[in-house]
Amino acid sequence: MTPATVRLQIAKVEGRITRPREDNLAVEAPLEIRVRSRSLAITMRTPGHDFELAAGFLLAEDIISSGSQIREMTSPQPDVVDIDLSPDAVIERPKSQRELIMTSACGVCGKESLESLAVNRCPVLPPTRFRIDAAVIHRLPQELREKQEVFESTGGLHAAALFDEHGEMHSLREDVGRHNAVDKLVGHSLLRFRAPLRDSIMLVSGRASFELAQKASMAGIPMLAAVGAPSSLAVSTAERCGMTLIGFLRNGGFNVYCGGARIAGLTDQELVSPL
């Protein structure tokens, strides 16, 4: 299996002084996802948890709706995952139109056109009793940072984590691509038949893009929080899906862009948009 990190000899420059040293880098390598032995997608990812990544990707692409539709997952060769699905899991378009190539920077680069974004399925989340206190939300970035083991050694990975309403972390995944980290996280729960994740908040280490909001909604996650900024399309997607979206969660504060009724302990509810 391809390692997640690699050590290189580099030159460290401090002022006018150069010193040789070793540096630990996050690996970026391709993974081919095949369904029924036919190539579906190629993504640039950090090796590790490849089955989870593939399962989460299939859910986000609306190819499957539950882990029970996955009959078998194999790795016939390095950097390849082959998935056998039940007959009710249907890939609607032909392979030549469906095949995607994704980079670590952007998970939707393989979409054929801007129009295809508009038809991405984003289910409206059913009502739940999920609520989380603002004081708990403030603690989540530190919890995430302390558990980012590969980031600690490389400084080059995104992370996504699931927490419950008490702020307890249930799972965390890292990857060079933020969309891959989310797919691995969702796939982890999917393969353990714990989806939909209706009693969870997902925290991502970077910004909140449209794609991350869409992936969260497909997994049934009612609340998405990001350390960085959300995009306008992420906000409109979250609103349409009935999600709570939080951005700039850092330094003791955060912004609520929609779905503020799920957050307890706020002093001015009038400034928070309803579900």
Protein backbone atom coordinates (compact mmCIF):
# COMPACT_ATOMS: atom_id res chain seq x y z
CA MET A 1 0.00 0.00 0.00
CA THR A 2 1.22 3.50 -0.82
CA PRO A 3 2.28 5.32 2.37
CA ALA A 4 0.45 8.45 3.57
CA THR A 5 3.69 10.38 4.16
CA VAL A 6 7.20 10.44 2.71
CA ARG A 7 10.44 11.93 4.04
CA LEU A 8 12.66 14.04 1.78
CA GLN A 9 16.03 15.72 2.13
CA ILE A 10 15.61 19.48 1.75
CA ALA A 11 17.56 22.69 2.35
CA LYS A 12 16.27 24.84 5.21
CA VAL A 13 17.05 28.55 4.74
CA GLU A 14 17.01 30.90 7.73
CA GLY A 15 18.21 34.35 6.81
CA ARG A 16 21.49 33.70 4.95
CA ILE A 17 22.17 30.36 6.58
CA THR A 18 21.28 27.12 4.79
CA ARG A 19 21.10 23.81 6.63
CA PRO A 20 20.28 20.33 5.31
CA ARG A 21 17.35 18.65 6.99
CA GLU A 22 14.58 16.10 6.46
CA ASP A 23 10.98 17.10 5.88
CA ASN A 24 7.85 14.96 6.12
CA LEU A 25 5.41 15.45 3.24
CA ALA A 26 1.84 14.29 2.74
CA VAL A 27 1.59 11.92 -0.22
CA GLU A 28 -0.68 12.85 -3.13
CA ALA A 29 -1.43 9.85 -5.35
CA PRO A 30 -4.23 8.81 -7.72
CA LEU A 31 -7.00 6.41 -6.74
CA GLU A 32 -9.17 4.84 -9.43
CA ILE A 33 -12.70 3.99 -8.31
CA ARG A 34 -14.31 1.21 -10.35
CA VAL A 35 -17.90 0.00 -10.16
CA ARG A 36 -18.59 -3.47 -11.50
CA SER A 37 -15.08 -3.43 -13.01
CA ARG A 38 -15.78 -0.25 -14.98
CA SER A 39 -13.82 2.90 -14.22
CA LEU A 40 -16.01 5.57 -12.63
CA ALA A 41 -13.63 8.18 -11.22
CA ILE A 42 -10.01 9.02 -10.54
CA THR A 43 -9.24 11.18 -7.53
CA MET A 44 -5.97 12.53 -6.21
CA ARG A 45 -5.86 11.59 -2.54
CA THR A 46 -3.68 10.80 0.44
CA PRO A 47 -3.50 6.97 0.60
CA GLY A 48 -5.37 5.32 3.45
CA HIS A 49 -9.03 4.50 4.15
CA ASP A 50 -9.56 4.05 0.40
CA PHE A 51 -12.66 1.86 0.80
CA GLU A 52 -14.23 4.55 2.97
CA LEU A 53 -13.36 7.21 0.41
CA ALA A 54 -14.97 5.19 -2.38
CA ALA A 55 -18.11 4.48 -0.34
CA GLY A 56 -18.52 8.12 0.65
CA PHE A 57 -18.03 9.20 -2.96
CA LEU A 58 -20.74 6.82 -4.18
CA LEU A 59 -23.18 8.20 -1.60
CA ALA A 60 -22.37 11.81 -2.50
CA GLU A 61 -22.88 11.03 -6.19
CA ASP A 62 -26.28 9.45 -5.36
CA ILE A 63 -25.21 6.10 -6.80
CA ILE A 64 -26.02 4.39 -3.50
CA SER A 65 -28.24 5.41 -0.60
CA SER A 66 -27.00 2.97 2.06
CA GLY A 67 -24.08 0.73 2.90
CA SER A 68 -26.23 -2.33 2.32
CA GLN A 69 -26.05 -1.67 -1.43
CA ILE A 70 -22.32 -2.41 -1.40
CA ARG A 71 -21.84 -6.14 -1.92
CA GLU A 72 -18.07 -6.24 -1.97
CA MET A 73 -15.07 -3.90 -2.13
CA THR A 74 -11.70 -5.13 -3.34
CA SER A 75 -8.35 -3.66 -4.29
CA PRO A 76 -7.20 -5.72 -7.30
CA GLN A 77 -4.03 -3.65 -7.57
CA PRO A 78 -2.45 -0.71 -5.74
CA ASP A 79 -4.39 2.57 -5.98
CA VAL A 80 -7.52 0.88 -7.34
CA VAL A 81 -10.81 0.13 -5.57
CA ASP A 82 -13.35 -2.11 -7.33
CA ILE A 83 -16.88 -2.16 -5.96
CA ASP A 84 -19.65 -4.66 -6.58
CA LEU A 85 -23.07 -3.14 -6.00
CA SER A 86 -26.51 -4.62 -5.58
CA PRO A 87 -28.77 -4.48 -8.68
CA ASP A 88 -30.84 -1.58 -7.30
CA ALA A 89 -27.78 0.72 -7.36
CA VAL A 90 -27.90 2.22 -10.84
CA ILE A 91 -25.39 4.42 -12.61
CA GLU A 92 -27.77 6.43 -14.76
CA ARG A 93 -25.42 7.75 -17.41
CA PRO A 94 -23.01 5.77 -19.62
CA LYS A 95 -19.42 5.43 -18.42
CA SER A 96 -18.10 7.73 -21.15
CA GLN A 97 -20.25 10.55 -19.79
CA ARG A 98 -20.05 9.69 -16.11
CA GLU A 99 -16.33 9.21 -15.61
CA LEU A 100 -14.84 11.91 -13.41
CA ILE A 101 -11.31 13.10 -12.83
CA MET A 102 -10.94 14.96 -9.54
CA THR A 103 -7.96 16.87 -8.21
CA SER A 104 -7.11 17.33 -4.56
CA ALA A 105 -8.01 21.00 -4.90
CA CYS A 106 -11.48 20.63 -6.39
CA GLY A 107 -13.80 17.68 -6.21
CA VAL A 108 -16.14 18.86 -8.98
CA CYS A 109 -13.55 19.53 -11.69
CA GLY A 110 -14.81 16.48 -13.55
CA LYS A 111 -18.37 17.74 -13.88
CA GLU A 112 -19.25 18.08 -17.54
CA SER A 113 -20.84 21.52 -17.31
CA LEU A 114 -22.15 24.17 -14.99
CA GLU A 115 -25.64 22.88 -15.70
CA SER A 116 -24.73 19.55 -14.10
CA LEU A 117 -24.20 21.31 -10.79
CA ALA A 118 -27.82 22.45 -10.78
CA VAL A 119 -29.14 18.88 -10.97
CA ASN A 120 -26.95 17.57 -8.14
CA ARG A 121 -29.34 15.97 -5.70
CA CYS A 122 -29.43 17.79 -2.39
CA PRO A 123 -32.19 16.29 -0.25
CA VAL A 124 -34.10 18.44 2.19
CA LEU A 125 -33.21 17.12 5.63
CA PRO A 126 -36.08 15.82 7.76
CA PRO A 127 -36.76 17.58 11.08
CA THR A 128 -34.68 16.28 14.00
CA ARG A 129 -34.23 17.19 17.63
CA PHE A 130 -30.50 17.76 17.15
CA ARG A 131 -29.34 20.82 19.09
CA ILE A 132 -25.87 21.82 20.21
CA ASP A 133 -24.81 24.52 22.63
CA ALA A 134 -22.72 27.42 21.37
CA ALA A 135 -20.19 26.77 24.13
CA VAL A 136 -19.67 23.24 22.79
CA ILE A 137 -19.21 24.53 19.24
CA HIS A 138 -16.43 26.86 20.42
CA ARG A 139 -14.43 23.84 21.67
CA LEU A 140 -14.55 21.82 18.45
CA PRO A 141 -11.61 23.38 16.51
CA GLN A 142 -9.19 22.60 19.33
CA GLU A 143 -10.48 19.02 19.52
CA LEU A 144 -9.97 18.69 15.76
CA ARG A 145 -6.48 20.14 15.81
CA GLU A 146 -5.32 17.89 18.65
CA LYS A 147 -6.38 14.75 16.77
CA GLN A 148 -4.83 15.61 13.37
CA GLU A 149 -1.93 13.18 13.58
CA VAL A 150 -0.75 13.34 9.97
CA PHE A 151 -1.17 17.12 9.81
CA GLU A 152 1.02 17.37 12.90
CA SER A 153 3.90 15.75 11.02
CA THR A 154 3.35 17.32 7.58
CA GLY A 155 1.31 20.52 7.95
CA GLY A 156 -0.26 19.69 4.59
CA LEU A 157 -3.60 17.95 5.09
CA HIS A 158 -7.25 18.90 5.40
CA ALA A 159 -9.37 17.26 8.08
CA ALA A 160 -13.06 16.52 8.64
CA ALA A 161 -14.58 15.21 11.86
CA LEU A 162 -17.97 14.21 13.24
CA PHE A 163 -19.07 15.28 16.71
CA ASP A 164 -22.23 14.63 18.70
CA GLU A 165 -24.25 17.28 20.56
CA HIS A 166 -21.95 16.95 23.59
CA GLY A 167 -18.84 17.72 21.56
CA GLU A 168 -17.56 14.15 21.62
CA MET A 169 -15.61 13.30 18.47
CA HIS A 170 -16.83 10.08 16.86
CA SER A 171 -14.47 9.95 13.88
CA LEU A 172 -11.87 12.00 12.01
CA ARG A 173 -10.25 11.63 8.60
CA GLU A 174 -7.42 13.55 6.92
CA ASP A 175 -6.54 13.94 3.26
CA VAL A 176 -4.71 16.26 0.90
CA GLY A 177 -8.13 17.00 -0.64
CA ARG A 178 -10.88 18.46 1.55
CA HIS A 179 -13.56 16.63 -0.44
CA ASN A 180 -11.71 13.34 0.04
CA ALA A 181 -11.49 13.89 3.79
CA VAL A 182 -15.29 14.29 3.89
CA ASP A 183 -15.86 11.24 1.68
CA LYS A 184 -13.63 9.14 3.95
CA LEU A 185 -15.46 10.42 7.03
CA VAL A 186 -18.92 9.68 5.60
CA GLY A 187 -17.77 6.37 4.15
CA HIS A 188 -16.52 5.28 7.56
CA SER A 189 -20.05 5.60 8.97
CA LEU A 190 -21.70 4.25 5.83
CA LEU A 191 -19.74 1.00 5.89
CA ARG A 192 -20.71 0.56 9.54
CA PHE A 193 -24.39 1.19 8.73
CA ARG A 194 -24.46 4.35 10.86
CA ALA A 195 -25.81 6.65 8.14
CA PRO A 196 -27.77 8.87 7.81
CA LEU A 197 -25.89 10.96 10.35
CA ARG A 198 -28.82 12.98 11.66
CA ASP A 199 -27.38 13.55 15.15
CA SER A 200 -24.00 14.95 14.12
CA ILE A 201 -22.14 18.14 13.40
CA MET A 202 -19.36 17.94 10.82
CA LEU A 203 -16.37 20.24 11.19
CA VAL A 204 -13.94 20.84 8.32
CA SER A 205 -10.52 22.39 8.76
CA GLY A 206 -10.70 24.76 5.79
CA ARG A 207 -13.44 26.63 4.00
CA ALA A 208 -16.98 25.40 3.31
CA SER A 209 -17.61 24.96 -0.41
CA PHE A 210 -20.79 24.01 -2.25
CA GLU A 211 -19.54 20.48 -2.64
CA LEU A 212 -18.96 19.96 1.08
CA ALA A 213 -22.46 21.22 1.84
CA GLN A 214 -23.85 18.86 -0.78
CA LYS A 215 -21.89 15.90 0.59
CA ALA A 216 -23.08 16.68 4.13
CA SER A 217 -26.70 16.83 3.02
CA MET A 218 -26.45 13.52 1.17
CA ALA A 219 -25.17 11.96 4.41
CA GLY A 220 -28.07 13.45 6.39
CA ILE A 221 -25.79 15.71 8.48
CA PRO A 222 -27.85 18.61 9.87
CA MET A 223 -24.97 20.95 10.76
CA LEU A 224 -21.76 21.85 8.88
CA ALA A 225 -19.10 24.02 10.49
CA ALA A 226 -15.92 25.32 8.91
CA VAL A 227 -12.82 26.96 10.33
CA GLY A 228 -12.72 29.12 7.21
CA ALA A 229 -15.22 30.98 5.07
CA PRO A 230 -18.22 29.53 3.26
CA SER A 231 -18.93 30.28 -0.38
CA SER A 232 -22.20 31.88 -1.47
CA LEU A 233 -23.25 28.64 -3.16
CA ALA A 234 -22.53 26.69 0.02
CA VAL A 235 -24.86 29.02 1.94
CA SER A 236 -27.67 28.78 -0.61
CA THR A 237 -27.26 24.99 -0.77
CA ALA A 238 -27.40 24.69 3.02
CA GLU A 239 -30.50 26.88 3.15
CA ARG A 240 -32.22 24.84 0.47
CA CYS A 241 -31.39 21.58 2.26
CA GLY A 242 -32.45 22.79 5.71
CA MET A 243 -28.92 22.60 7.13
CA THR A 244 -27.18 24.76 9.69
CA LEU A 245 -24.03 26.35 8.26
CA ILE A 246 -21.32 27.88 10.43
CA GLY A 247 -18.18 29.61 9.18
CA PHE A 248 -15.06 31.23 10.66
CA LEU A 249 -15.21 28.95 13.70
CA ARG A 250 -12.02 30.06 15.42
CA ASN A 251 -10.60 32.38 18.08
CA GLY A 252 -13.69 32.11 20.27
CA GLY A 253 -16.25 33.12 17.66
CA PHE A 254 -18.19 31.95 14.62
CA ASN A 255 -20.67 33.16 12.02
CA VAL A 256 -24.08 31.53 11.53
CA TYR A 257 -25.23 31.71 7.92
CA CYS A 258 -28.43 29.67 8.17
CA GLY A 259 -30.23 27.24 10.45
CA GLY A 260 -29.41 29.04 13.71
CA ALA A 261 -32.33 27.45 15.56
CA ARG A 262 -30.20 24.32 16.10
CA ILE A 263 -27.73 26.30 18.23
CA ALA A 264 -28.54 26.71 21.92
CA GLY A 265 -27.03 29.28 24.23
CA LEU A 266 -26.98 32.27 21.87
CA THR A 267 -27.83 35.60 23.48
CA ASP A 268 -29.54 37.25 20.49
CA GLN A 269 -31.70 34.80 18.56
CA GLU A 270 -33.03 37.58 16.33
CA LEU A 271 -29.69 37.71 14.53
CA VAL A 272 -29.84 34.01 13.64
CA SER A 273 -31.77 32.85 10.60
CA PRO A 274 -34.40 30.16 11.29
CA LEU A 275 -34.50 26.70 9.74
